[in-house]
Amino acid sequence: MSVRSETGVVVTGIGVVSSLGRDLVDTFDALCEGRSQLSRPTPELGEQSLVEVVSQAPDIDPAEVLKPPIDPGVDRFLILALAAAEQAMTDSGLRVGENADPERVAVITSTAGGPLRTYEEQAAARRERGRSAVSPYLCPGMIPNMSAARIAIKYGIRGYSLLLSTACAGGGQAVAEAFRLIREGEADVVVCGGSDAPLHPTVAAAFVNARSLANGYDDPTKASRPFDQDRNGYVLGEGAAMFILERAEHADARGAAGYADVIGWGATTDGYHVTKPRPDGSGAAACMRKAVARAGLRPEDIGYVNAHATSTGLGDIAEARAIRAVFGDETPPVSSTKSVTGHLMGASGAFEAAATVLAVAHGTLPPTFNLDQVGRGCELNHVRGKAYRTEVRAALSNSFGFGGHNISLAIGTPTTRGRRLADGTRSDG
């Protein structure tokens, strides 16, 4: 494996919110043990949309995460983003203005749908009661860039900020852009990740009508079945994941230990269809090759691939073809953690990158659950049934989005002097 001479870009903090809860240790354990919390929707959501299974994050009181004064009408995707960011900041020990220069800290966030619930509710209020019923807080409560802006406001961040919206690739692309910003010397620290809250009737009904969602399962925890021959769609989910990415020298100077490094990325566009991937997986394969090459590695250096695999017929086959095209018939171990979480949409890329970071940090590969019989065309070196321990020096996290956006992140061992795990265990080199 090649030695990386450029400055390390290390993950020093992680925050997650999903149907698995808000605790990082419990989340990774649940991914490894298959403790799914996929469930039936609320009666209102089920009756209005006919969605059968959802992945619902816990309720969060806005007062818990918003900086006072608390204005009404803040969309749920913002609350989820702020909750994940707060966890990541606490996890990293970063204190802007104390151990980090506010002008050298940046924020890059992503969302696929953003504030759809808030806009729908306010549009309904206007139709029913007229102009005066529309909240004056509508715009700052719903515009997508507010996930980046509110994080910056809360923590006094004054560096570069950006909101990305590249569908389900957005969370991964936020991490890639953060990596680039640090490598180019524009920031010492970047808060980055994604959030989404699509569980409301209009969006759910659209996916039901498009026949995209899993259905027909008596046990909702069995509905998400990446690569399985009986898969019939994904489980719509909400959540958020945020990272503190940091220049390794900056982390060392303040005594922070790293989970893992982001060591490379690759991005391509299929240029093929608004929802379907290229059947041969060539766009996805190209992005994985770029990630491996940019990290200074060879395909044989990759010890794990966290697949995008959503549990759809076309998507899972195309990704399997892409992985085989890059690695040959003897692929690295592959799994899809969506079997436990469902599809978190614009948050999925960041959440699954977090799972990949923890897999590298712990040397433990989370499996694909519900993979009872591998579907035709999905043949890979699948991690199935149970997690297993192995040293992972480099891994890939794949995310692909509507419109043909492809992103692959390369994750490697940390370059900070200290190395840590999700439970706070630390070792110093």
Protein backbone atom coordinates (compact mmCIF):
# COMPACT_ATOMS: atom_id res chain seq x y z
CA MET A 1 0.00 0.00 0.00
CA SER A 2 1.32 3.43 -0.94
CA VAL A 3 2.39 5.88 1.75
CA ARG A 4 0.34 9.11 1.67
CA SER A 5 2.62 12.15 1.69
CA GLU A 6 -0.06 14.85 1.71
CA THR A 7 -1.63 16.14 4.91
CA GLY A 8 -4.02 13.72 6.53
CA VAL A 9 -7.73 14.56 6.61
CA VAL A 10 -8.96 12.83 9.71
CA VAL A 11 -12.40 12.16 11.19
CA THR A 12 -12.30 13.38 14.80
CA GLY A 13 -16.04 13.48 15.49
CA ILE A 14 -19.18 11.68 14.31
CA GLY A 15 -22.86 12.37 14.96
CA VAL A 16 -25.74 10.17 13.80
CA VAL A 17 -29.52 10.26 14.04
CA SER A 18 -31.61 7.45 12.56
CA SER A 19 -34.22 4.87 13.43
CA LEU A 20 -31.41 3.21 15.42
CA GLY A 21 -31.29 6.23 17.73
CA ARG A 22 -28.67 8.88 18.43
CA ASP A 23 -25.93 6.95 20.22
CA LEU A 24 -22.87 6.15 18.10
CA VAL A 25 -21.94 2.95 19.93
CA ASP A 26 -25.49 1.59 19.87
CA THR A 27 -25.82 2.48 16.19
CA PHE A 28 -22.71 0.58 15.12
CA ASP A 29 -23.61 -2.36 17.33
CA ALA A 30 -27.09 -2.43 15.78
CA LEU A 31 -25.59 -2.40 12.27
CA CYS A 32 -23.35 -5.32 13.19
CA GLU A 33 -26.05 -7.30 15.02
CA GLY A 34 -29.01 -6.59 12.74
CA ARG A 35 -31.10 -4.82 15.37
CA SER A 36 -33.38 -3.16 12.83
CA GLN A 37 -35.98 -0.61 13.89
CA LEU A 38 -37.84 -0.51 10.58
CA SER A 39 -41.52 -0.15 11.43
CA ARG A 40 -45.04 0.52 10.26
CA PRO A 41 -45.77 4.20 9.52
CA THR A 42 -47.94 6.42 11.68
CA PRO A 43 -51.65 5.96 10.90
CA GLU A 44 -51.83 9.35 9.19
CA LEU A 45 -48.83 8.69 6.94
CA GLY A 46 -49.98 5.14 6.14
CA GLU A 47 -53.56 6.14 5.33
CA GLN A 48 -52.64 9.12 3.16
CA SER A 49 -49.79 7.54 1.22
CA LEU A 50 -50.24 3.74 1.51
CA VAL A 51 -46.55 3.40 2.43
CA GLU A 52 -46.12 0.14 4.37
CA VAL A 53 -42.69 0.36 6.04
CA VAL A 54 -40.59 3.32 7.16
CA SER A 55 -37.35 4.09 8.95
CA GLN A 56 -38.27 6.81 11.45
CA ALA A 57 -35.79 8.76 13.55
CA PRO A 58 -36.65 9.66 17.16
CA ASP A 59 -38.53 12.86 17.94
CA ILE A 60 -36.25 15.74 18.93
CA ASP A 61 -37.41 18.84 20.76
CA PRO A 62 -36.29 21.89 18.72
CA ALA A 63 -35.36 23.62 21.98
CA GLU A 64 -32.70 20.94 22.48
CA VAL A 65 -30.69 21.91 19.41
CA LEU A 66 -31.65 25.43 18.31
CA LYS A 67 -29.84 28.49 19.54
CA PRO A 68 -32.24 30.86 21.36
CA PRO A 69 -34.45 32.65 20.55
CA ILE A 70 -36.29 29.68 19.05
CA ASP A 71 -38.36 30.70 16.04
CA PRO A 72 -41.34 28.51 15.14
CA GLY A 73 -41.74 26.41 12.02
CA VAL A 74 -38.20 25.04 11.67
CA ASP A 75 -38.33 22.04 9.36
CA ARG A 76 -37.51 18.60 10.71
CA PHE A 77 -34.58 18.11 8.32
CA LEU A 78 -32.92 21.08 10.05
CA ILE A 79 -33.56 19.68 13.52
CA LEU A 80 -32.01 16.36 12.50
CA ALA A 81 -28.97 18.11 11.01
CA LEU A 82 -28.42 20.20 14.13
CA ALA A 83 -28.79 17.18 16.42
CA ALA A 84 -26.18 15.22 14.45
CA ALA A 85 -23.84 18.22 14.30
CA GLU A 86 -24.08 18.73 18.06
CA GLN A 87 -23.17 15.12 18.68
CA ALA A 88 -20.21 15.36 16.28
CA MET A 89 -18.94 18.56 17.88
CA THR A 90 -19.17 17.07 21.37
CA ASP A 91 -17.57 13.83 20.18
CA SER A 92 -14.60 15.68 18.69
CA GLY A 93 -14.05 18.08 21.58
CA LEU A 94 -13.94 20.92 19.07
CA ARG A 95 -14.68 24.38 20.51
CA VAL A 96 -14.76 27.06 17.86
CA GLY A 97 -12.97 30.16 19.06
CA GLU A 98 -11.02 28.21 21.70
CA ASN A 99 -9.17 25.37 19.97
CA ALA A 100 -10.15 26.27 16.40
CA ASP A 101 -10.03 29.59 14.52
CA PRO A 102 -13.62 30.48 13.52
CA GLU A 103 -12.45 31.69 10.10
CA ARG A 104 -10.63 28.39 9.49
CA VAL A 105 -13.71 26.24 10.22
CA ALA A 106 -16.14 25.49 7.37
CA VAL A 107 -19.57 23.85 7.02
CA ILE A 108 -20.76 21.71 4.10
CA THR A 109 -24.14 20.01 4.33
CA SER A 110 -26.48 18.18 1.97
CA THR A 111 -30.12 17.25 1.59
CA ALA A 112 -32.17 15.58 -1.12
CA GLY A 113 -35.65 16.87 -0.31
CA GLY A 114 -35.00 19.48 2.33
CA PRO A 115 -37.96 21.32 3.85
CA LEU A 116 -40.80 19.67 1.95
CA ARG A 117 -43.06 19.20 4.96
CA THR A 118 -42.86 22.85 5.99
CA TYR A 119 -43.61 24.12 2.50
CA GLU A 120 -46.57 21.75 2.08
CA GLU A 121 -48.05 22.75 5.44
CA GLN A 122 -47.70 26.47 4.73
CA ALA A 123 -49.13 26.13 1.20
CA ALA A 124 -52.16 24.33 2.67
CA ALA A 125 -52.58 27.10 5.27
CA ARG A 126 -52.55 29.78 2.57
CA ARG A 127 -55.13 27.94 0.45
CA GLU A 128 -57.43 27.43 3.43
CA ARG A 129 -57.08 30.73 5.31
CA GLY A 130 -55.39 33.19 2.97
CA ARG A 131 -52.15 35.17 2.86
CA SER A 132 -52.17 36.13 6.53
CA ALA A 133 -51.93 32.45 7.52
CA VAL A 134 -48.44 32.10 6.03
CA SER A 135 -45.74 32.26 8.69
CA PRO A 136 -43.19 35.08 8.37
CA TYR A 137 -40.64 32.48 9.44
CA LEU A 138 -41.32 30.30 6.37
CA CYS A 139 -38.23 31.16 4.35
CA PRO A 140 -35.59 30.93 7.12
CA GLY A 141 -37.39 27.87 8.43
CA MET A 142 -37.34 25.92 5.19
CA ILE A 143 -34.68 26.95 2.67
CA PRO A 144 -32.16 24.10 2.34
CA ASN A 145 -29.01 26.17 2.94
CA MET A 146 -30.20 26.72 6.50
CA SER A 147 -28.74 23.38 7.60
CA ALA A 148 -25.29 24.85 6.92
CA ALA A 149 -26.24 28.34 8.09
CA ARG A 150 -27.78 27.29 11.40
CA ILE A 151 -24.81 25.08 12.26
CA ALA A 152 -22.53 28.06 11.58
CA ILE A 153 -24.71 30.40 13.65
CA LYS A 154 -24.91 28.00 16.59
CA TYR A 155 -21.15 27.45 16.83
CA GLY A 156 -19.83 30.80 15.61
CA ILE A 157 -18.29 29.35 12.44
CA ARG A 158 -17.12 32.03 10.00
CA GLY A 159 -15.33 30.09 7.24
CA TYR A 160 -16.62 28.71 3.96
CA SER A 161 -20.15 27.26 3.91
CA LEU A 162 -22.11 25.34 1.30
CA LEU A 163 -25.30 23.31 0.80
CA LEU A 164 -25.20 20.45 -1.74
CA SER A 165 -28.26 18.79 -3.23
CA THR A 166 -27.23 15.85 -5.38
CA ALA A 167 -30.00 13.50 -4.27
CA CYS A 168 -28.79 10.40 -2.42
CA ALA A 169 -25.15 11.06 -3.32
CA GLY A 170 -25.17 14.38 -1.44
CA GLY A 171 -23.94 13.20 1.95
CA GLY A 172 -20.93 11.53 0.41
CA GLN A 173 -20.21 14.52 -1.79
CA ALA A 174 -20.31 16.82 1.25
CA VAL A 175 -17.50 14.72 2.75
CA ALA A 176 -15.56 14.82 -0.53
CA GLU A 177 -15.86 18.61 -0.75
CA ALA A 178 -14.74 18.92 2.87
CA PHE A 179 -11.71 16.77 2.05
CA ARG A 180 -10.87 19.01 -0.89
CA LEU A 181 -11.23 22.17 1.17
CA ILE A 182 -8.76 20.92 3.79
CA ARG A 183 -6.29 19.56 1.23
CA GLU A 184 -6.34 22.89 -0.63
CA GLY A 185 -5.50 24.73 2.58
CA GLU A 186 -8.79 26.64 2.77
CA ALA A 187 -9.84 25.20 6.14
CA ASP A 188 -8.41 23.38 9.14
CA VAL A 189 -11.76 21.87 10.16
CA VAL A 190 -15.01 21.16 8.28
CA VAL A 191 -18.37 20.17 9.75
CA CYS A 192 -19.93 18.09 6.98
CA GLY A 193 -22.68 15.59 6.29
CA GLY A 194 -26.32 15.25 5.30
CA SER A 195 -29.87 15.20 6.61
CA ASP A 196 -33.29 14.39 5.22
CA ALA A 197 -36.86 14.07 6.50
CA PRO A 198 -39.05 12.73 3.66
CA LEU A 199 -41.63 10.95 5.82
CA HIS A 200 -44.73 12.93 4.94
CA PRO A 201 -47.70 11.94 2.79
CA THR A 202 -46.95 13.68 -0.52
CA VAL A 203 -43.39 12.39 -0.91
CA ALA A 204 -44.30 8.92 0.36
CA ALA A 205 -47.29 8.76 -2.00
CA ALA A 206 -45.06 9.67 -4.93
CA PHE A 207 -42.65 6.84 -4.17
CA VAL A 208 -45.55 4.41 -3.64
CA ASN A 209 -47.05 5.40 -7.00
CA ALA A 210 -43.64 4.98 -8.64
CA ARG A 211 -43.53 1.42 -7.21
CA SER A 212 -40.14 2.14 -5.69
CA LEU A 213 -40.83 1.06 -2.11
CA ALA A 214 -40.71 -2.33 -0.41
CA ASN A 215 -44.11 -3.84 0.21
CA GLY A 216 -45.86 -7.06 1.17
CA TYR A 217 -43.82 -7.98 4.27
CA ASP A 218 -45.56 -9.06 7.47
CA ASP A 219 -42.39 -8.24 9.42
CA PRO A 220 -41.22 -4.71 8.54
CA THR A 221 -37.65 -5.53 9.60
CA LYS A 222 -37.48 -7.97 6.66
CA ALA A 223 -38.49 -5.43 4.03
CA SER A 224 -35.05 -3.99 3.19
CA ARG A 225 -33.20 -6.74 1.31
CA PRO A 226 -30.18 -5.46 -0.62
CA PHE A 227 -28.89 -7.94 -3.23
CA ASP A 228 -31.51 -10.56 -2.23
CA GLN A 229 -33.49 -12.29 -4.96
CA ASP A 230 -36.79 -11.33 -3.25
CA ARG A 231 -36.05 -7.60 -2.91
CA ASN A 232 -38.81 -5.40 -4.27
CA GLY A 233 -37.87 -1.85 -3.30
CA TYR A 234 -36.32 0.31 -0.63
CA VAL A 235 -37.60 1.47 2.75
CA LEU A 236 -38.08 5.24 2.93
CA GLY A 237 -36.19 6.70 5.87
CA GLU A 238 -35.17 9.90 7.62
CA GLY A 239 -32.05 10.79 9.54
CA ALA A 240 -28.79 12.68 9.60
CA ALA A 241 -25.06 12.09 9.92
CA MET A 242 -22.36 14.69 10.47
CA PHE A 243 -18.59 14.55 10.70
CA ILE A 244 -15.84 16.73 12.02
CA LEU A 245 -13.12 16.45 9.38
CA GLU A 246 -9.83 17.95 10.42
CA ARG A 247 -6.31 18.50 9.19
CA ALA A 248 -4.30 15.89 11.07
CA GLU A 249 -1.72 18.40 12.30
CA HIS A 250 -4.51 20.59 13.69
CA ALA A 251 -6.05 17.62 15.48
CA ASP A 252 -2.68 16.65 16.96
CA ALA A 253 -2.06 20.20 18.15
CA ARG A 254 -5.24 20.16 20.23
CA GLY A 255 -4.75 16.55 21.36
CA ALA A 256 -7.64 15.05 19.37
CA ALA A 257 -7.55 11.41 18.28
CA GLY A 258 -8.94 10.22 14.95
CA TYR A 259 -11.24 7.37 14.00
CA ALA A 260 -9.98 7.15 10.41
CA ASP A 261 -8.81 9.31 7.52
CA VAL A 262 -10.65 10.25 4.38
CA ILE A 263 -7.93 9.42 1.87
CA GLY A 264 -9.60 9.89 -1.50
CA TRP A 265 -12.80 10.29 -3.46
CA GLY A 266 -14.17 9.77 -6.93
CA ALA A 267 -17.20 11.33 -8.56
CA THR A 268 -18.86 10.77 -11.93
CA THR A 269 -22.20 11.34 -13.62
CA ASP A 270 -24.00 8.62 -15.56
CA GLY A 271 -25.58 11.03 -18.05
CA TYR A 272 -28.14 8.33 -18.74
CA HIS A 273 -31.55 8.62 -17.00
CA VAL A 274 -33.25 10.65 -14.28
CA THR A 275 -33.76 7.65 -11.99
CA LYS A 276 -32.13 4.55 -13.52
CA PRO A 277 -28.40 3.79 -13.30
CA ARG A 278 -26.44 2.76 -16.36
CA PRO A 279 -27.19 -0.97 -16.58
CA ASP A 280 -23.53 -1.89 -16.98
CA GLY A 281 -22.55 0.10 -13.89
CA SER A 282 -19.82 1.89 -15.82
CA GLY A 283 -20.40 5.27 -14.14
CA ALA A 284 -20.21 3.74 -10.68
CA ALA A 285 -17.14 1.72 -11.63
CA ALA A 286 -15.36 4.84 -12.90
CA CYS A 287 -16.03 6.69 -9.66
CA MET A 288 -14.66 3.81 -7.55
CA ARG A 289 -11.53 3.64 -9.71
CA LYS A 290 -11.00 7.37 -9.22
CA ALA A 291 -11.38 7.07 -5.45
CA VAL A 292 -8.83 4.25 -5.29
CA ALA A 293 -6.36 6.07 -7.57
CA ARG A 294 -6.72 9.41 -5.76
CA ALA A 295 -5.95 7.63 -2.49
CA GLY A 296 -2.72 6.33 -4.02
CA LEU A 297 -3.94 2.72 -3.76
CA ARG A 298 -4.57 -0.29 -5.95
CA PRO A 299 -7.84 -2.24 -6.05
CA GLU A 300 -6.26 -5.08 -4.09
CA ASP A 301 -5.58 -2.65 -1.20
CA ILE A 302 -9.31 -2.22 -0.54
CA GLY A 303 -10.50 -4.45 2.29
CA TYR A 304 -14.20 -3.55 2.40
CA VAL A 305 -16.90 -1.89 0.29
CA ASN A 306 -19.99 -0.38 1.89
CA ALA A 307 -22.41 -0.59 -1.02
CA HIS A 308 -25.09 1.93 -1.89
CA ALA A 309 -27.39 -1.03 -2.64
CA THR A 310 -30.90 0.19 -1.87
CA SER A 311 -32.77 -3.10 -2.45
CA THR A 312 -34.03 -2.27 -5.93
CA GLY A 313 -33.92 -4.61 -8.89
CA LEU A 314 -31.92 -2.48 -11.34
CA GLY A 315 -29.76 -0.56 -8.89
CA ASP A 316 -28.34 -3.53 -6.99
CA ILE A 317 -27.41 -5.36 -10.20
CA ALA A 318 -25.74 -2.29 -11.71
CA GLU A 319 -23.67 -1.74 -8.58
CA ALA A 320 -22.67 -5.40 -8.39
CA ARG A 321 -21.50 -5.20 -12.01
CA ALA A 322 -19.53 -2.06 -11.18
CA ILE A 323 -17.81 -3.67 -8.20
CA ARG A 324 -16.86 -6.73 -10.27
CA ALA A 325 -15.58 -4.46 -13.05
CA VAL A 326 -13.22 -2.72 -10.60
CA PHE A 327 -12.10 -5.70 -8.52
CA GLY A 328 -12.69 -8.76 -10.69
CA ASP A 329 -14.54 -11.87 -9.59
CA GLU A 330 -12.66 -11.98 -6.25
CA THR A 331 -14.10 -8.81 -4.77
CA PRO A 332 -13.39 -7.38 -1.33
CA PRO A 333 -16.02 -8.07 1.33
CA VAL A 334 -19.17 -6.11 0.47
CA SER A 335 -22.22 -5.21 2.54
CA SER A 336 -25.15 -2.80 2.56
CA THR A 337 -26.08 -1.35 5.95
CA LYS A 338 -29.40 -0.24 4.40
CA SER A 339 -30.64 -3.71 5.30
CA VAL A 340 -30.92 -2.37 8.86
CA THR A 341 -31.60 1.33 8.34
CA GLY A 342 -33.55 1.53 5.11
CA HIS A 343 -32.72 4.37 2.72
CA LEU A 344 -32.03 7.72 4.42
CA MET A 345 -32.05 9.56 1.10
CA GLY A 346 -29.87 12.71 1.27
CA ALA A 347 -28.45 11.55 4.61
CA SER A 348 -27.57 8.06 3.39
CA GLY A 349 -24.15 8.86 1.93
CA ALA A 350 -22.95 10.47 5.14
CA PHE A 351 -24.51 7.83 7.39
CA GLU A 352 -22.93 4.99 5.43
CA ALA A 353 -19.60 6.79 5.35
CA ALA A 354 -19.85 6.85 9.15
CA ALA A 355 -20.47 3.10 9.14
CA THR A 356 -17.40 2.67 6.92
CA VAL A 357 -15.24 4.86 9.16
CA LEU A 358 -16.27 2.77 12.17
CA ALA A 359 -15.64 -0.47 10.27
CA VAL A 360 -12.05 0.69 9.63
CA ALA A 361 -11.62 1.96 13.20
CA HIS A 362 -12.94 -1.23 14.83
CA GLY A 363 -11.72 -3.73 12.26
CA THR A 364 -15.27 -5.06 12.13
CA LEU A 365 -17.38 -5.43 8.99
CA PRO A 366 -21.16 -5.02 9.40
CA PRO A 367 -23.07 -7.56 7.31
CA THR A 368 -26.01 -7.36 4.94
CA PHE A 369 -29.03 -8.79 6.72
CA ASN A 370 -32.07 -10.33 4.99
CA LEU A 371 -29.74 -11.63 2.27
CA ASP A 372 -31.22 -15.13 2.25
CA GLN A 373 -30.47 -15.93 -1.39
CA VAL A 374 -28.26 -13.75 -3.56
CA GLY A 375 -30.16 -12.42 -6.56
CA ARG A 376 -29.08 -13.19 -10.09
CA GLY A 377 -26.45 -10.68 -11.19
CA CYS A 378 -25.67 -9.68 -7.59
CA GLU A 379 -22.87 -12.20 -7.00
CA LEU A 380 -20.15 -10.64 -4.82
CA ASN A 381 -18.09 -11.51 -1.75
CA HIS A 382 -21.02 -10.66 0.52
CA VAL A 383 -20.71 -10.20 4.27
CA ARG A 384 -23.86 -12.06 5.35
CA GLY A 385 -25.61 -12.95 8.57
CA LYS A 386 -23.06 -11.76 11.08
CA ALA A 387 -20.23 -9.28 11.39
CA TYR A 388 -16.67 -10.45 11.40
CA ARG A 389 -13.43 -8.94 12.59
CA THR A 390 -10.54 -8.30 10.25
CA GLU A 391 -7.95 -5.57 9.80
CA VAL A 392 -9.17 -3.03 7.26
CA ARG A 393 -6.50 -0.61 6.10
CA ALA A 394 -8.66 0.93 3.37
CA ALA A 395 -12.35 0.79 2.44
CA LEU A 396 -14.81 2.38 0.01
CA SER A 397 -18.21 3.90 0.73
CA ASN A 398 -20.46 4.18 -2.35
CA SER A 399 -23.42 6.52 -2.83
CA PHE A 400 -25.45 7.02 -6.01
CA GLY A 401 -28.31 9.44 -6.58
CA PHE A 402 -31.19 10.21 -8.92
CA GLY A 403 -29.90 12.06 -11.96
CA GLY A 404 -26.88 9.77 -12.20
CA HIS A 405 -24.71 11.32 -9.48
CA ASN A 406 -22.03 8.88 -8.29
CA ILE A 407 -19.63 9.33 -5.37
CA SER A 408 -17.19 6.91 -3.77
CA LEU A 409 -15.17 7.79 -0.67
CA ALA A 410 -11.92 6.04 0.23
CA ILE A 411 -11.39 5.65 3.99
CA GLY A 412 -8.11 4.62 5.61
CA THR A 413 -6.43 4.34 8.99
CA PRO A 414 -5.94 7.62 10.90
CA THR A 415 -2.81 9.75 10.62
CA THR A 416 -3.26 11.47 13.99
CA ARG A 417 -0.96 10.43 16.83
CA GLY A 418 -4.00 9.12 18.71
CA ARG A 419 -6.53 6.61 17.44
CA ARG A 420 -9.98 6.10 18.92
CA LEU A 421 -13.10 3.96 18.72
CA ALA A 422 -16.79 4.81 19.02
CA ASP A 423 -16.84 4.01 22.74
CA GLY A 424 -14.10 6.55 23.47
CA THR A 425 -11.29 3.98 23.77
CA ARG A 426 -8.06 5.65 22.72
CA SER A 427 -4.58 4.50 21.85
CA ASP A 428 -1.65 6.85 21.21
CA GLY A 429 1.16 6.14 18.88
